[in-house]
């Protein structure tokens, strides 16, 4: 599914999409923390900055950021669009003191995370919040004083279909740890036409619109040959005939009254060795002779029985007639 979805997205070409530059501004760390013409504790406001009136100033002094600019833009496309490019080109403004070490300054863009209002030389505490840990893009300065910021990754954050970042625009600041520690770059603002935006994206393609999600089974035919078994050829020493296996005794199951099975083994005389068959008649004849000797022929006769003296005396006595009871 994922591969088919990406294929459907890739089939839709990215085209230029409209954008809206809705606001811009910049804020000065030297300005009052309270909005108005007066400075802290009612003191006069600081003198005008060297940033031209039609420009946006970013700067750092002795390794500390003292000017921050912001540009608010709206990408006129749907969430989930596949961004191929978001490029912003900004031109340096001309004027006395407008640029200080701009050729060696490191200007970076970061996504803005809070709502903000336009300002010129605005109070420092009113500057918009931004988070360079979400994303950070360093600008590339050309020899003609134009800066290019590749903000494609910003557009992906803003158009994320699952968790989009609020489209509050981007902030410009100087990273004094890289490049000049004291610098000022003044960019032409939106009204002066100093910004050029190139935005290309393909419209989102939902999975339900993907009609290529079909599975075609392979057309390869699989055939299976019947296995054939060939007996091994006899060796040159002669043909060896395997001995016939000895038949196992037959097993018969007879059902008892209790429903259990009884195993009865019927002997198979054909499987007995020849010498057993030879001895069997001899054993039968010997058994018959022993039975005959222990039978009637072995019992002692009555003629040979000895008669005792008491027995002889009792046999000579005449029987005594019973008394007459009449």
C-alpha atoms as a PDB file:
ATOM      1  CA  UNK A   1       0.000   0.000   0.000  1.00  0.00           C
ATOM      2  CA  UNK A   2       2.749   2.469   0.949  1.00  0.00           C
ATOM      3  CA  UNK A   3       4.674   1.893  -2.276  1.00  0.00           C
ATOM      4  CA  UNK A   4       1.547   2.279  -4.369  1.00  0.00           C
ATOM      5  CA  UNK A   5       0.622   5.464  -2.525  1.00  0.00           C
ATOM      6  CA  UNK A   6       4.026   7.019  -3.126  1.00  0.00           C
ATOM      7  CA  UNK A   7       3.794   6.022  -6.774  1.00  0.00           C
ATOM      8  CA  UNK A   8       0.470   7.820  -7.057  1.00  0.00           C
ATOM      9  CA  UNK A   9       1.924  10.926  -5.425  1.00  0.00           C
ATOM     10  CA  UNK A  10       4.950  10.913  -7.696  1.00  0.00           C
ATOM     11  CA  UNK A  11       2.681  10.711 -10.738  1.00  0.00           C
ATOM     12  CA  UNK A  12       1.214  14.135  -9.878  1.00  0.00           C
ATOM     13  CA  UNK A  13       3.739  16.823 -10.875  1.00  0.00           C
ATOM     14  CA  UNK A  14       4.558  19.637  -8.466  1.00  0.00           C
ATOM     15  CA  UNK A  15       3.449  23.013  -9.700  1.00  0.00           C
ATOM     16  CA  UNK A  16       3.818  26.574  -8.478  1.00  0.00           C
ATOM     17  CA  UNK A  17       1.422  27.363  -5.670  1.00  0.00           C
ATOM     18  CA  UNK A  18       0.228  30.817  -4.598  1.00  0.00           C
ATOM     19  CA  UNK A  19       1.538  32.449  -1.434  1.00  0.00           C
ATOM     20  CA  UNK A  20       0.542  35.513   0.527  1.00  0.00           C
ATOM     21  CA  UNK A  21       2.997  37.867   2.257  1.00  0.00           C
ATOM     22  CA  UNK A  22       0.742  39.289   4.912  1.00  0.00           C
ATOM     23  CA  UNK A  23       3.091  41.187   7.252  1.00  0.00           C
ATOM     24  CA  UNK A  24       6.654  41.929   8.329  1.00  0.00           C
ATOM     25  CA  UNK A  25       8.527  43.756  11.077  1.00  0.00           C
ATOM     26  CA  UNK A  26      11.693  44.082  13.116  1.00  0.00           C
ATOM     27  CA  UNK A  27      12.531  44.724  16.790  1.00  0.00           C
ATOM     28  CA  UNK A  28      15.425  46.507  18.443  1.00  0.00           C
ATOM     29  CA  UNK A  29      17.004  45.479  21.766  1.00  0.00           C
ATOM     30  CA  UNK A  30      17.920  49.162  22.358  1.00  0.00           C
ATOM     31  CA  UNK A  31      14.259  50.182  22.258  1.00  0.00           C
ATOM     32  CA  UNK A  32      12.054  50.626  25.316  1.00  0.00           C
ATOM     33  CA  UNK A  33      10.333  47.636  26.887  1.00  0.00           C
ATOM     34  CA  UNK A  34       7.171  49.762  26.953  1.00  0.00           C
ATOM     35  CA  UNK A  35       5.424  50.660  23.724  1.00  0.00           C
ATOM     36  CA  UNK A  36       5.370  54.388  23.069  1.00  0.00           C
ATOM     37  CA  UNK A  37       7.635  57.271  22.247  1.00  0.00           C
ATOM     38  CA  UNK A  38       9.326  57.284  25.626  1.00  0.00           C
ATOM     39  CA  UNK A  39      12.096  55.052  26.875  1.00  0.00           C
ATOM     40  CA  UNK A  40      12.457  53.336  30.256  1.00  0.00           C
ATOM     41  CA  UNK A  41      11.434  55.441  33.271  1.00  0.00           C
ATOM     42  CA  UNK A  42      10.090  58.122  30.947  1.00  0.00           C
ATOM     43  CA  UNK A  43      13.478  58.786  29.362  1.00  0.00           C
ATOM     44  CA  UNK A  44      13.559  59.780  25.715  1.00  0.00           C
ATOM     45  CA  UNK A  45      13.478  56.991  23.159  1.00  0.00           C
ATOM     46  CA  UNK A  46      16.794  55.905  21.667  1.00  0.00           C
ATOM     47  CA  UNK A  47      17.943  57.653  18.530  1.00  0.00           C
ATOM     48  CA  UNK A  48      16.693  56.298  15.191  1.00  0.00           C
ATOM     49  CA  UNK A  49      18.420  53.178  14.021  1.00  0.00           C
ATOM     50  CA  UNK A  50      20.550  53.038  10.921  1.00  0.00           C
ATOM     51  CA  UNK A  51      18.072  50.567   9.421  1.00  0.00           C
ATOM     52  CA  UNK A  52      16.273  52.313   6.509  1.00  0.00           C
ATOM     53  CA  UNK A  53      12.564  52.982   6.822  1.00  0.00           C
ATOM     54  CA  UNK A  54      11.716  50.512   4.040  1.00  0.00           C
ATOM     55  CA  UNK A  55      13.899  47.757   5.422  1.00  0.00           C
ATOM     56  CA  UNK A  56      13.977  45.011   8.034  1.00  0.00           C
ATOM     57  CA  UNK A  57      17.025  44.973  10.276  1.00  0.00           C
ATOM     58  CA  UNK A  58      18.818  42.024  11.883  1.00  0.00           C
ATOM     59  CA  UNK A  59      22.047  42.466  13.832  1.00  0.00           C
ATOM     60  CA  UNK A  60      24.392  41.565  16.637  1.00  0.00           C
ATOM     61  CA  UNK A  61      26.714  43.666  18.761  1.00  0.00           C
ATOM     62  CA  UNK A  62      29.761  42.211  20.510  1.00  0.00           C
ATOM     63  CA  UNK A  63      28.398  38.666  20.224  1.00  0.00           C
ATOM     64  CA  UNK A  64      24.866  39.547  21.420  1.00  0.00           C
ATOM     65  CA  UNK A  65      21.822  39.682  19.148  1.00  0.00           C
ATOM     66  CA  UNK A  66      20.298  43.177  19.190  1.00  0.00           C
ATOM     67  CA  UNK A  67      17.943  43.152  16.145  1.00  0.00           C
ATOM     68  CA  UNK A  68      15.462  40.518  14.958  1.00  0.00           C
ATOM     69  CA  UNK A  69      13.197  40.596  11.881  1.00  0.00           C
ATOM     70  CA  UNK A  70      10.115  38.564  10.912  1.00  0.00           C
ATOM     71  CA  UNK A  71       8.143  37.815   7.755  1.00  0.00           C
ATOM     72  CA  UNK A  72       4.601  36.429   7.817  1.00  0.00           C
ATOM     73  CA  UNK A  73       3.547  34.331   4.833  1.00  0.00           C
ATOM     74  CA  UNK A  74       0.659  32.023   4.003  1.00  0.00           C
ATOM     75  CA  UNK A  75       1.051  29.018   1.722  1.00  0.00           C
ATOM     76  CA  UNK A  76      -2.171  28.760  -0.281  1.00  0.00           C
ATOM     77  CA  UNK A  77      -2.428  24.967  -0.454  1.00  0.00           C
ATOM     78  CA  UNK A  78      -3.960  22.089   1.448  1.00  0.00           C
ATOM     79  CA  UNK A  79      -2.507  20.231   4.384  1.00  0.00           C
ATOM     80  CA  UNK A  80      -0.715  17.109   3.274  1.00  0.00           C
ATOM     81  CA  UNK A  81       0.555  18.627   0.050  1.00  0.00           C
ATOM     82  CA  UNK A  82       3.890  17.254  -1.064  1.00  0.00           C
ATOM     83  CA  UNK A  83       6.311  20.169  -1.065  1.00  0.00           C
ATOM     84  CA  UNK A  84       9.104  20.106  -3.598  1.00  0.00           C
ATOM     85  CA  UNK A  85      10.459  23.617  -3.003  1.00  0.00           C
ATOM     86  CA  UNK A  86      10.006  26.734  -0.897  1.00  0.00           C
ATOM     87  CA  UNK A  87      12.688  29.303  -1.655  1.00  0.00           C
ATOM     88  CA  UNK A  88      12.762  32.869  -0.363  1.00  0.00           C
ATOM     89  CA  UNK A  89      15.082  35.470  -1.864  1.00  0.00           C
ATOM     90  CA  UNK A  90      15.639  38.735   0.025  1.00  0.00           C
ATOM     91  CA  UNK A  91      17.633  41.742  -1.181  1.00  0.00           C
ATOM     92  CA  UNK A  92      19.789  44.050   0.913  1.00  0.00           C
ATOM     93  CA  UNK A  93      18.591  47.618   1.294  1.00  0.00           C
ATOM     94  CA  UNK A  94      20.819  50.537   0.444  1.00  0.00           C
ATOM     95  CA  UNK A  95      21.565  53.478   2.727  1.00  0.00           C
ATOM     96  CA  UNK A  96      24.188  54.914   4.995  1.00  0.00           C
ATOM     97  CA  UNK A  97      25.037  52.440   7.753  1.00  0.00           C
ATOM     98  CA  UNK A  98      22.427  49.968   6.518  1.00  0.00           C
ATOM     99  CA  UNK A  99      24.984  47.180   6.191  1.00  0.00           C
ATOM    100  CA  UNK A 100      27.716  46.342   8.687  1.00  0.00           C
ATOM    101  CA  UNK A 101      29.905  43.335   7.928  1.00  0.00           C
ATOM    102  CA  UNK A 102      26.989  41.860   5.955  1.00  0.00           C
ATOM    103  CA  UNK A 103      29.323  39.836   3.743  1.00  0.00           C
ATOM    104  CA  UNK A 104      30.630  37.899   6.778  1.00  0.00           C
ATOM    105  CA  UNK A 105      27.435  37.789   8.866  1.00  0.00           C
ATOM    106  CA  UNK A 106      25.658  34.509   9.470  1.00  0.00           C
ATOM    107  CA  UNK A 107      21.929  35.199   9.078  1.00  0.00           C
ATOM    108  CA  UNK A 108      19.634  32.268   9.915  1.00  0.00           C
ATOM    109  CA  UNK A 109      15.895  31.717   9.558  1.00  0.00           C
ATOM    110  CA  UNK A 110      13.827  29.912  12.245  1.00  0.00           C
ATOM    111  CA  UNK A 111      10.082  29.103  12.376  1.00  0.00           C
ATOM    112  CA  UNK A 112       7.946  31.489  14.448  1.00  0.00           C
ATOM    113  CA  UNK A 113       5.853  29.788  17.136  1.00  0.00           C
ATOM    114  CA  UNK A 114       3.634  32.650  18.429  1.00  0.00           C
ATOM    115  CA  UNK A 115       1.252  35.192  17.024  1.00  0.00           C
ATOM    116  CA  UNK A 116       2.784  38.627  16.397  1.00  0.00           C
ATOM    117  CA  UNK A 117       1.892  42.055  15.057  1.00  0.00           C
ATOM    118  CA  UNK A 118       3.829  44.121  12.484  1.00  0.00           C
ATOM    119  CA  UNK A 119       6.338  46.660  13.832  1.00  0.00           C
ATOM    120  CA  UNK A 120       9.227  48.923  12.832  1.00  0.00           C
ATOM    121  CA  UNK A 121      12.010  49.302  15.359  1.00  0.00           C
ATOM    122  CA  UNK A 122       9.608  47.670  17.798  1.00  0.00           C
ATOM    123  CA  UNK A 123      10.204  47.145  21.531  1.00  0.00           C
ATOM    124  CA  UNK A 124      12.413  44.188  22.231  1.00  0.00           C
ATOM    125  CA  UNK A 125       9.914  42.455  24.499  1.00  0.00           C
ATOM    126  CA  UNK A 126       7.279  42.532  21.754  1.00  0.00           C
ATOM    127  CA  UNK A 127       9.339  40.509  19.311  1.00  0.00           C
ATOM    128  CA  UNK A 128       7.721  37.205  18.205  1.00  0.00           C
ATOM    129  CA  UNK A 129       8.790  33.930  19.714  1.00  0.00           C
ATOM    130  CA  UNK A 130      10.658  31.521  17.469  1.00  0.00           C
ATOM    131  CA  UNK A 131      12.332  28.146  17.958  1.00  0.00           C
ATOM    132  CA  UNK A 132      15.545  27.387  16.118  1.00  0.00           C
ATOM    133  CA  UNK A 133      15.581  23.856  17.576  1.00  0.00           C
ATOM    134  CA  UNK A 134      12.579  22.933  15.431  1.00  0.00           C
ATOM    135  CA  UNK A 135      14.463  23.910  12.313  1.00  0.00           C
ATOM    136  CA  UNK A 136      17.120  26.363  11.241  1.00  0.00           C
ATOM    137  CA  UNK A 137      18.242  27.433   7.782  1.00  0.00           C
ATOM    138  CA  UNK A 138      21.278  29.585   7.089  1.00  0.00           C
ATOM    139  CA  UNK A 139      20.935  32.141   4.321  1.00  0.00           C
ATOM    140  CA  UNK A 140      23.271  32.088   1.334  1.00  0.00           C
ATOM    141  CA  UNK A 141      24.475  35.564   0.307  1.00  0.00           C
ATOM    142  CA  UNK A 142      25.211  36.310  -3.323  1.00  0.00           C
ATOM    143  CA  UNK A 143      27.731  38.761  -4.664  1.00  0.00           C
ATOM    144  CA  UNK A 144      24.892  41.132  -5.622  1.00  0.00           C
ATOM    145  CA  UNK A 145      23.690  41.372  -2.016  1.00  0.00           C
ATOM    146  CA  UNK A 146      20.760  38.989  -2.389  1.00  0.00           C
ATOM    147  CA  UNK A 147      20.160  36.272   0.203  1.00  0.00           C
ATOM    148  CA  UNK A 148      18.532  32.889  -0.535  1.00  0.00           C
ATOM    149  CA  UNK A 149      16.798  30.871   2.182  1.00  0.00           C
ATOM    150  CA  UNK A 150      15.751  27.304   1.314  1.00  0.00           C
ATOM    151  CA  UNK A 151      12.675  26.888   3.534  1.00  0.00           C
ATOM    152  CA  UNK A 152      11.294  23.630   2.117  1.00  0.00           C
ATOM    153  CA  UNK A 153      11.577  21.973   5.517  1.00  0.00           C
ATOM    154  CA  UNK A 154       9.563  24.828   7.046  1.00  0.00           C
ATOM    155  CA  UNK A 155       6.773  24.234   4.544  1.00  0.00           C
ATOM    156  CA  UNK A 156       6.713  20.557   5.473  1.00  0.00           C
ATOM    157  CA  UNK A 157       6.210  21.523   9.124  1.00  0.00           C
ATOM    158  CA  UNK A 158       3.385  23.895   8.240  1.00  0.00           C
ATOM    159  CA  UNK A 159       1.629  21.407   5.913  1.00  0.00           C
ATOM    160  CA  UNK A 160       2.039  18.293   8.027  1.00  0.00           C
ATOM    161  CA  UNK A 161      -1.376  16.571   7.792  1.00  0.00           C
ATOM    162  CA  UNK A 162      -1.090  14.974  11.244  1.00  0.00           C
ATOM    163  CA  UNK A 163       0.480  17.708  13.407  1.00  0.00           C
ATOM    164  CA  UNK A 164       0.946  20.944  11.477  1.00  0.00           C
ATOM    165  CA  UNK A 165       2.889  23.843  12.930  1.00  0.00           C
ATOM    166  CA  UNK A 166       0.979  27.123  13.006  1.00  0.00           C
ATOM    167  CA  UNK A 167       1.843  29.102   9.900  1.00  0.00           C
ATOM    168  CA  UNK A 168       3.221  32.192  11.662  1.00  0.00           C
ATOM    169  CA  UNK A 169       6.061  32.814   9.240  1.00  0.00           C
ATOM    170  CA  UNK A 170       9.799  32.857   9.878  1.00  0.00           C
ATOM    171  CA  UNK A 171      12.164  34.977  11.937  1.00  0.00           C
ATOM    172  CA  UNK A 172      15.586  36.288  10.860  1.00  0.00           C
ATOM    173  CA  UNK A 173      18.433  36.636  13.328  1.00  0.00           C
ATOM    174  CA  UNK A 174      22.221  36.644  13.333  1.00  0.00           C
ATOM    175  CA  UNK A 175      24.160  33.769  14.847  1.00  0.00           C
ATOM    176  CA  UNK A 176      27.169  35.587  16.327  1.00  0.00           C
ATOM    177  CA  UNK A 177      28.903  32.309  17.119  1.00  0.00           C
ATOM    178  CA  UNK A 178      29.353  31.823  13.386  1.00  0.00           C
ATOM    179  CA  UNK A 179      30.797  34.662  11.311  1.00  0.00           C
ATOM    180  CA  UNK A 180      31.079  38.260  12.438  1.00  0.00           C
ATOM    181  CA  UNK A 181      30.263  38.901  16.112  1.00  0.00           C
ATOM    182  CA  UNK A 182      29.192  42.463  15.255  1.00  0.00           C
ATOM    183  CA  UNK A 183      27.135  42.887  12.115  1.00  0.00           C
ATOM    184  CA  UNK A 184      23.947  44.367  10.705  1.00  0.00           C
ATOM    185  CA  UNK A 185      22.027  43.329   7.631  1.00  0.00           C
ATOM    186  CA  UNK A 186      19.095  45.423   6.405  1.00  0.00           C
ATOM    187  CA  UNK A 187      16.689  43.624   4.067  1.00  0.00           C
ATOM    188  CA  UNK A 188      14.139  45.343   1.846  1.00  0.00           C
ATOM    189  CA  UNK A 189      10.635  44.873   3.267  1.00  0.00           C
ATOM    190  CA  UNK A 190       7.514  43.406   1.654  1.00  0.00           C
ATOM    191  CA  UNK A 191       6.089  46.709   0.462  1.00  0.00           C
ATOM    192  CA  UNK A 192       9.258  47.640  -1.382  1.00  0.00           C
ATOM    193  CA  UNK A 193       9.134  44.403  -3.352  1.00  0.00           C
ATOM    194  CA  UNK A 194      12.390  43.103  -1.972  1.00  0.00           C
ATOM    195  CA  UNK A 195      11.077  39.563  -1.337  1.00  0.00           C
ATOM    196  CA  UNK A 196      10.677  36.838  -3.936  1.00  0.00           C
ATOM    197  CA  UNK A 197       8.996  33.527  -3.021  1.00  0.00           C
ATOM    198  CA  UNK A 198       9.126  30.352  -5.095  1.00  0.00           C
ATOM    199  CA  UNK A 199       6.784  27.641  -3.848  1.00  0.00           C
ATOM    200  CA  UNK A 200       6.047  24.366  -5.625  1.00  0.00           C
ATOM    201  CA  UNK A 201       3.986  21.481  -4.300  1.00  0.00           C
ATOM    202  CA  UNK A 202       1.801  18.618  -5.455  1.00  0.00           C
ATOM    203  CA  UNK A 203      -1.743  18.367  -4.116  1.00  0.00           C
ATOM    204  CA  UNK A 204      -2.372  15.723  -1.480  1.00  0.00           C
ATOM    205  CA  UNK A 205      -3.456  12.313  -2.701  1.00  0.00           C
ATOM    206  CA  UNK A 206      -5.532  10.292  -0.275  1.00  0.00           C
ATOM    207  CA  UNK A 207      -5.307   6.521  -0.138  1.00  0.00           C
ATOM    208  CA  UNK A 208      -8.955   6.226  -1.185  1.00  0.00           C
ATOM    209  CA  UNK A 209      -8.128   7.886  -4.509  1.00  0.00           C
ATOM    210  CA  UNK A 210      -5.480   5.303  -5.282  1.00  0.00           C
ATOM    211  CA  UNK A 211      -7.125   2.895  -7.706  1.00  0.00           C
ATOM    212  CA  UNK A 212      -3.915   1.000  -8.422  1.00  0.00           C
ATOM    213  CA  UNK A 213      -4.091  -0.906  -5.155  1.00  0.00           C
ATOM    214  CA  UNK A 214      -4.820  -4.237  -6.784  1.00  0.00           C
ATOM    215  CA  UNK A 215      -3.011  -7.500  -6.428  1.00  0.00           C
ATOM    216  CA  UNK A 216      -2.312  -9.584  -9.507  1.00  0.00           C
ATOM    217  CA  UNK A 217      -1.224 -13.136  -8.790  1.00  0.00           C
ATOM    218  CA  UNK A 218       1.827 -14.386 -10.634  1.00  0.00           C
ATOM    219  CA  UNK A 219       1.150 -16.052 -13.973  1.00  0.00           C
ATOM    220  CA  UNK A 220       3.930 -18.579 -13.600  1.00  0.00           C
ATOM    221  CA  UNK A 221       2.615 -22.147 -13.890  1.00  0.00           C
ATOM    222  CA  UNK A 222       3.956 -24.641 -11.466  1.00  0.00           C
ATOM    223  CA  UNK A 223       4.044 -28.305 -12.585  1.00  0.00           C
ATOM    224  CA  UNK A 224       4.936 -31.251 -10.440  1.00  0.00           C
ATOM    225  CA  UNK A 225       6.366 -34.433 -11.992  1.00  0.00           C
ATOM    226  CA  UNK A 226       5.386 -37.793 -10.605  1.00  0.00           C
ATOM    227  CA  UNK A 227       8.315 -39.272  -8.692  1.00  0.00           C
ATOM    228  CA  UNK A 228       9.876 -42.319 -10.294  1.00  0.00           C
ATOM    229  CA  UNK A 229      11.775 -44.957  -8.402  1.00  0.00           C
ATOM    230  CA  UNK A 230      14.303 -47.199 -10.113  1.00  0.00           C
ATOM    231  CA  UNK A 231      15.819 -50.215  -8.397  1.00  0.00           C
ATOM    232  CA  UNK A 232      19.598 -50.060  -8.127  1.00  0.00           C
ATOM    233  CA  UNK A 233      21.545 -52.068 -10.681  1.00  0.00           C
ATOM    234  CA  UNK A 234      23.133 -55.301  -9.390  1.00  0.00           C
ATOM    235  CA  UNK A 235      26.822 -55.238  -8.660  1.00  0.00           C
ATOM    236  CA  UNK A 236      29.343 -57.099 -10.789  1.00  0.00           C
ATOM    237  CA  UNK A 237      29.839 -59.739  -8.057  1.00  0.00           C
ATOM    238  CA  UNK A 238      26.453 -61.321  -8.716  1.00  0.00           C
ATOM    239  CA  UNK A 239      22.825 -60.840  -8.021  1.00  0.00           C
ATOM    240  CA  UNK A 240      21.823 -60.557  -4.400  1.00  0.00           C
ATOM    241  CA  UNK A 241      18.306 -61.656  -3.600  1.00  0.00           C
ATOM    242  CA  UNK A 242      17.038 -60.140  -0.393  1.00  0.00           C
ATOM    243  CA  UNK A 243      15.636 -62.588   2.136  1.00  0.00           C
ATOM    244  CA  UNK A 244      11.919 -62.645   2.563  1.00  0.00           C
ATOM    245  CA  UNK A 245      10.866 -60.945   5.746  1.00  0.00           C
ATOM    246  CA  UNK A 246       9.584 -63.156   8.524  1.00  0.00           C
ATOM    247  CA  UNK A 247       5.867 -62.846   8.854  1.00  0.00           C
ATOM    248  CA  UNK A 248       4.764 -61.464  12.157  1.00  0.00           C
ATOM    249  CA  UNK A 249       2.242 -63.462  14.173  1.00  0.00           C
ATOM    250  CA  UNK A 250      -1.300 -62.617  13.409  1.00  0.00           C
ATOM    251  CA  UNK A 251      -3.054 -60.571  16.031  1.00  0.00           C
ATOM    252  CA  UNK A 252      -6.771 -61.009  16.548  1.00  0.00           C
ATOM    253  CA  UNK A 253      -8.808 -58.764  18.797  1.00  0.00           C
ATOM    254  CA  UNK A 254     -11.713 -60.451  20.538  1.00  0.00           C
ATOM    255  CA  UNK A 255     -14.237 -58.308  22.347  1.00  0.00           C
ATOM    256  CA  UNK A 256     -14.895 -59.351  25.939  1.00  0.00           C
ATOM    257  CA  UNK A 257     -18.184 -58.960  27.770  1.00  0.00           C
ATOM    258  CA  UNK A 258     -16.872 -55.935  29.609  1.00  0.00           C
ATOM    259  CA  UNK A 259     -16.205 -54.169  26.309  1.00  0.00           C
ATOM    260  CA  UNK A 260     -12.393 -54.444  26.500  1.00  0.00           C
ATOM    261  CA  UNK A 261     -10.205 -55.888  23.806  1.00  0.00           C
ATOM    262  CA  UNK A 262      -8.284 -59.123  24.336  1.00  0.00           C
ATOM    263  CA  UNK A 263      -5.236 -59.880  22.283  1.00  0.00           C
ATOM    264  CA  UNK A 264      -5.049 -63.479  21.034  1.00  0.00           C
ATOM    265  CA  UNK A 265      -1.933 -64.649  19.309  1.00  0.00           C
ATOM    266  CA  UNK A 266      -2.449 -67.548  16.929  1.00  0.00           C
ATOM    267  CA  UNK A 267       0.679 -69.566  16.304  1.00  0.00           C
ATOM    268  CA  UNK A 268       1.870 -70.063  12.796  1.00  0.00           C
ATOM    269  CA  UNK A 269       3.546 -73.500  12.539  1.00  0.00           C
ATOM    270  CA  UNK A 270       4.885 -72.724   9.156  1.00  0.00           C
ATOM    271  CA  UNK A 271       7.337 -70.269  10.717  1.00  0.00           C
ATOM    272  CA  UNK A 272       8.917 -72.841  13.143  1.00  0.00           C
ATOM    273  CA  UNK A 273      12.447 -74.073  12.437  1.00  0.00           C
ATOM    274  CA  UNK A 274      12.884 -77.556  10.893  1.00  0.00           C
ATOM    275  CA  UNK A 275      14.542 -79.054  13.919  1.00  0.00           C
ATOM    276  CA  UNK A 276      11.563 -78.111  16.089  1.00  0.00           C
ATOM    277  CA  UNK A 277       9.244 -79.919  13.663  1.00  0.00           C
ATOM    278  CA  UNK A 278      11.548 -82.961  13.757  1.00  0.00           C
ATOM    279  CA  UNK A 279      11.582 -83.127  17.568  1.00  0.00           C
ATOM    280  CA  UNK A 280       7.860 -82.568  17.956  1.00  0.00           C
ATOM    281  CA  UNK A 281       6.750 -86.226  17.196  1.00  0.00           C
ATOM    282  CA  UNK A 282       9.450 -87.583  19.500  1.00  0.00           C
ATOM    283  CA  UNK A 283       8.246 -85.356  22.308  1.00  0.00           C
ATOM    284  CA  UNK A 284       4.657 -86.420  21.743  1.00  0.00           C
ATOM    285  CA  UNK A 285       5.536 -90.169  21.795  1.00  0.00           C
ATOM    286  CA  UNK A 286       7.665 -89.754  24.927  1.00  0.00           C
ATOM    287  CA  UNK A 287       4.867 -87.897  26.655  1.00  0.00           C
ATOM    288  CA  UNK A 288       2.399 -90.669  25.796  1.00  0.00           C
ATOM    289  CA  UNK A 289       4.692 -93.378  27.282  1.00  0.00           C
ATOM    290  CA  UNK A 290       5.149 -91.448  30.482  1.00  0.00           C
ATOM    291  CA  UNK A 291       1.391 -90.957  30.794  1.00  0.00           C
ATOM    292  CA  UNK A 292       0.829 -94.713  30.273  1.00  0.00           C
ATOM    293  CA  UNK A 293       3.430 -95.690  32.909  1.00  0.00           C
ATOM    294  CA  UNK A 294       1.898 -93.343  35.452  1.00  0.00           C
ATOM    295  CA  UNK A 295      -1.619 -94.495  34.581  1.00  0.00           C
ATOM    296  CA  UNK A 296      -3.296 -97.857  35.243  1.00  0.00           C
ATOM    297  CA  UNK A 297      -0.071 -99.779  34.773  1.00  0.00           C
ATOM    298  CA  UNK A 298       1.569 -97.948  37.590  1.00  0.00           C
ATOM    299  CA  UNK A 299      -1.061 -98.647  40.258  1.00  0.00           C
ATOM    300  CA  UNK A 300      -0.278-101.535  42.724  1.00  0.00           C
ATOM    301  CA  UNK A 301      -2.568-104.658  42.511  1.00  0.00           C
ATOM    302  CA  UNK A 302      -4.762-105.890  45.369  1.00  0.00           C
ATOM    303  CA  UNK A 303      -3.100-109.370  45.458  1.00  0.00           C
ATOM    304  CA  UNK A 304       0.124-108.075  46.688  1.00  0.00           C
ATOM    305  CA  UNK A 305      -1.414-106.167  49.598  1.00  0.00           C
ATOM    306  CA  UNK A 306      -0.371-107.462  53.051  1.00  0.00           C
ATOM    307  CA  UNK A 307      -3.135-108.416  55.596  1.00  0.00           C
ATOM    308  CA  UNK A 308      -2.597-107.715  59.277  1.00  0.00           C
ATOM    309  CA  UNK A 309      -3.470-110.021  62.276  1.00  0.00           C
ATOM    310  CA  UNK A 310      -6.471-107.901  63.326  1.00  0.00           C
ATOM    311  CA  UNK A 311      -7.903-108.030  59.881  1.00  0.00           C
ATOM    312  CA  UNK A 312      -7.587-111.822  59.721  1.00  0.00           C
ATOM    313  CA  UNK A 313      -9.294-112.279  63.139  1.00  0.00           C
ATOM    314  CA  UNK A 314     -12.218-110.060  62.211  1.00  0.00           C
ATOM    315  CA  UNK A 315     -12.719-111.929  58.979  1.00  0.00           C
ATOM    316  CA  UNK A 316     -13.051-115.326  60.809  1.00  0.00           C
ATOM    317  CA  UNK A 317     -15.795-114.164  63.193  1.00  0.00           C
ATOM    318  CA  UNK A 318     -19.351-115.223  62.303  1.00  0.00           C
ATOM    319  CA  UNK A 319     -21.874-112.546  62.244  1.00  0.00           C
ATOM    320  CA  UNK A 320     -24.081-112.367  65.392  1.00  0.00           C
ATOM    321  CA  UNK A 321     -27.767-112.530  64.595  1.00  0.00           C
ATOM    322  CA  UNK A 322     -29.856-109.650  65.952  1.00  0.00           C
ATOM    323  CA  UNK A 323     -31.958-110.330  69.109  1.00  0.00           C
ATOM    324  CA  UNK A 324     -35.592-111.323  68.770  1.00  0.00           C
ATOM    325  CA  UNK A 325     -37.723-108.467  70.056  1.00  0.00           C
ATOM    326  CA  UNK A 326     -41.024-110.252  69.491  1.00  0.00           C
END
